């Protein structure tokens, strides 16, 4: 179940990233953001 939640979170982050970059293909920021999530935190707050 945790794995499914993490997959959903990653999908949400990906979609949010795409929305904010309006189709920009540069994924550097997303990669940096991804590395800042070493483990799934149910209390995670996303600040943009």
Protein backbone atom coordinates (compact mmCIF):
# COMPACT_ATOMS: atom_id res chain seq x y z
CA UNK A 1 0.00 0.00 0.00
CA UNK A 2 2.82 2.40 0.83
CA UNK A 3 4.32 1.62 -2.56
CA UNK A 4 1.07 2.54 -4.30
CA UNK A 5 0.88 5.77 -2.32
CA UNK A 6 4.45 6.62 -3.29
CA UNK A 7 3.69 5.91 -6.94
CA UNK A 8 0.66 8.20 -6.74
CA UNK A 9 2.77 10.89 -5.09
CA UNK A 10 5.44 10.63 -7.77
CA UNK A 11 2.77 10.83 -10.45
CA UNK A 12 1.28 13.91 -8.80
CA UNK A 13 4.70 15.55 -8.59
CA UNK A 14 5.34 14.73 -12.24
CA UNK A 15 2.01 16.20 -13.34
CA UNK A 16 2.52 19.30 -11.17
CA UNK A 17 6.01 19.73 -12.58
CA UNK A 18 4.69 19.51 -16.14
CA UNK A 19 1.93 22.00 -15.34
CA UNK A 20 4.29 24.57 -13.85
CA UNK A 21 6.78 24.21 -16.68
CA UNK A 22 4.06 24.29 -19.34
CA UNK A 23 5.61 21.51 -21.38
CA UNK A 24 9.22 22.55 -20.87
CA UNK A 25 11.38 19.48 -21.51
CA UNK A 26 14.16 20.43 -19.08
CA UNK A 27 13.83 17.90 -16.26
CA UNK A 28 16.74 19.13 -14.13
CA UNK A 29 14.51 20.72 -11.50
CA UNK A 30 12.34 17.63 -11.27
CA UNK A 31 15.40 15.41 -10.79
CA UNK A 32 16.68 17.66 -8.00
CA UNK A 33 13.25 17.66 -6.40
CA UNK A 34 13.03 13.88 -6.73
CA UNK A 35 16.36 13.45 -4.91
CA UNK A 36 15.04 15.61 -2.07
CA UNK A 37 12.43 12.89 -1.38
CA UNK A 38 14.51 10.01 0.02
CA UNK A 39 11.46 8.32 1.51
CA UNK A 40 7.71 8.68 1.46
CA UNK A 41 6.43 10.98 4.20
CA UNK A 42 2.64 10.91 4.77
CA UNK A 43 2.92 14.40 6.28
CA UNK A 44 4.79 15.75 3.26
CA UNK A 45 3.89 19.30 2.30
CA UNK A 46 4.66 20.52 -1.20
CA UNK A 47 5.68 24.17 -1.38
CA UNK A 48 6.02 25.88 -4.76
